[in-house]
Protein backbone atom coordinates (compact mmCIF):
# COMPACT_ATOMS: atom_id res chain seq x y z
CA MET A 1 17.56 -29.88 -4.74
CA CYS A 2 18.05 -27.12 -1.53
CA GLU A 3 19.56 -25.03 -3.49
CA ALA A 4 17.34 -25.33 -6.40
CA ARG A 5 14.21 -23.97 -3.91
CA ALA A 6 16.64 -21.20 -2.49
CA VAL A 7 17.03 -20.04 -5.99
CA ALA A 8 13.47 -20.77 -7.13
CA ALA A 9 11.83 -18.40 -3.72
CA ALA A 10 14.58 -15.81 -4.77
CA ALA A 11 13.45 -15.26 -7.88
CA LYS A 12 10.11 -14.91 -6.86
CA LEU A 13 10.35 -12.60 -4.35
CA LEU A 14 12.58 -10.88 -6.74
CA ALA A 15 9.83 -10.91 -9.36
CA THR A 16 7.40 -9.36 -6.90
CA ASN A 17 9.36 -6.74 -5.62
CA ALA A 18 10.23 -5.82 -9.49
CA TRP A 19 6.64 -6.13 -10.04
CA GLU A 20 5.54 -3.86 -7.01
CA SER A 21 8.08 -1.40 -8.14
CA VAL A 22 7.08 -0.89 -11.61
CA LYS A 23 2.90 -0.30 -10.45
CA LYS A 24 4.32 2.27 -8.48
CA ARG A 25 6.49 4.10 -10.59
CA ALA A 26 3.54 3.92 -13.03
CA LYS A 27 1.26 5.53 -10.53
CA VAL A 28 3.80 8.36 -9.56
CA GLY A 29 4.20 10.93 -12.24
CA ALA A 30 6.87 13.61 -12.47
CA GLY A 31 8.25 14.78 -9.11
CA GLU A 32 5.47 13.44 -7.12
CA THR A 33 5.60 10.87 -4.26
CA VAL A 34 5.08 6.91 -3.78
CA ALA A 35 2.98 7.55 -0.58
CA GLN A 36 -0.68 8.71 -0.98
CA PRO A 37 -2.42 10.32 1.70
CA HIS A 38 -4.81 8.46 3.82
CA HIS A 39 -8.08 9.85 4.38
CA PRO A 40 -9.99 7.86 7.13
CA GLY A 41 -13.51 7.23 5.93
CA GLY A 42 -12.68 8.61 2.45
CA THR A 43 -12.48 11.59 0.88
CA PRO A 44 -14.31 14.62 2.15
CA ARG A 45 -16.83 14.39 -1.21
CA VAL A 46 -17.35 10.55 0.06
CA ARG A 47 -17.69 11.49 3.26
CA VAL A 48 -20.32 14.37 2.68
CA ASN A 49 -22.16 12.32 0.52
CA ARG A 50 -22.38 9.42 3.01
CA TRP A 51 -23.81 11.53 5.16
CA ALA A 52 -26.52 13.19 2.36
CA LYS A 53 -27.54 9.89 2.07
CA ARG A 54 -27.98 8.93 5.46
CA ALA A 55 -29.73 12.30 6.30
CA MET A 56 -32.03 11.45 3.11
CA LEU A 57 -33.37 8.36 4.32
CA ALA A 58 -34.16 9.24 7.95
CA SER A 59 -35.77 12.90 7.33
CA LEU A 60 -38.14 10.93 4.40
CA ALA A 61 -39.17 8.39 7.09
CA ILE A 62 -39.56 10.76 9.65
CA SER A 63 -41.30 12.89 7.18
CA LEU A 64 -43.84 10.36 6.06
CA LEU A 65 -44.51 9.36 9.52
CA LEU A 66 -45.02 13.21 10.40
CA ALA A 67 -47.22 13.05 7.32
CA GLY A 68 -49.66 10.45 8.60
CA ALA A 69 -49.60 12.21 11.93
CA GLY A 70 -50.55 15.19 10.49
CA ARG A 71 -48.17 17.62 12.05
CA LYS A 72 -47.49 19.52 9.02
CA ARG A 73 -44.65 21.95 10.47
CA TRP A 74 -42.61 19.13 11.32
CA HIS A 75 -43.42 17.23 8.28
CA TRP A 76 -42.14 20.51 6.25
CA LEU A 77 -39.10 20.80 8.29
CA THR A 78 -37.98 17.45 7.76
CA GLY A 79 -39.29 17.95 4.12
CA MET A 80 -36.48 20.70 4.15
CA VAL A 81 -33.45 18.45 5.63
CA PHE A 82 -34.59 15.84 2.79
CA LEU A 83 -33.98 18.90 0.36
CA HIS A 84 -30.92 19.86 1.73
CA ALA A 85 -29.59 16.60 1.69
CA LEU A 86 -30.55 16.00 -1.48
CA ALA A 87 -28.95 19.27 -3.21
CA ALA A 88 -25.38 18.14 -1.42
CA HIS A 89 -25.63 14.69 -2.77
CA LEU A 90 -26.60 16.24 -6.27
CA TRP A 91 -23.89 18.67 -5.95
CA VAL A 92 -21.46 15.94 -4.86
CA HIS A 93 -22.48 14.16 -8.51
CA ARG A 94 -22.77 16.87 -10.39
CA ARG A 95 -19.95 16.21 -12.95
CA HIS A 96 -21.80 12.87 -13.93
CA ILE A 97 -25.16 14.20 -13.80
CA LEU A 98 -24.14 17.26 -16.42
CA ARG A 99 -22.40 14.97 -18.78
């Protein structure tokens, strides 16, 4: 009975390792390495898009507050920040938008 458990555990381990090996081989093309580069916080496109969305949210809120307070120059400035952040966001998604 102990031998049967050991055999079952070994078969399970071999099947798991074999499956992981198959998955790695499927991902790797000819001449490529298995290890993928790690980007903390995502790829540069993801990080730019994340900051663009934050900038749009903050500048829109501040712009509306300044417009309500009658501060036209600062409202204009925060509106420009919003438009630049929107441009960065649209640039990241240009492939999906232009389909």
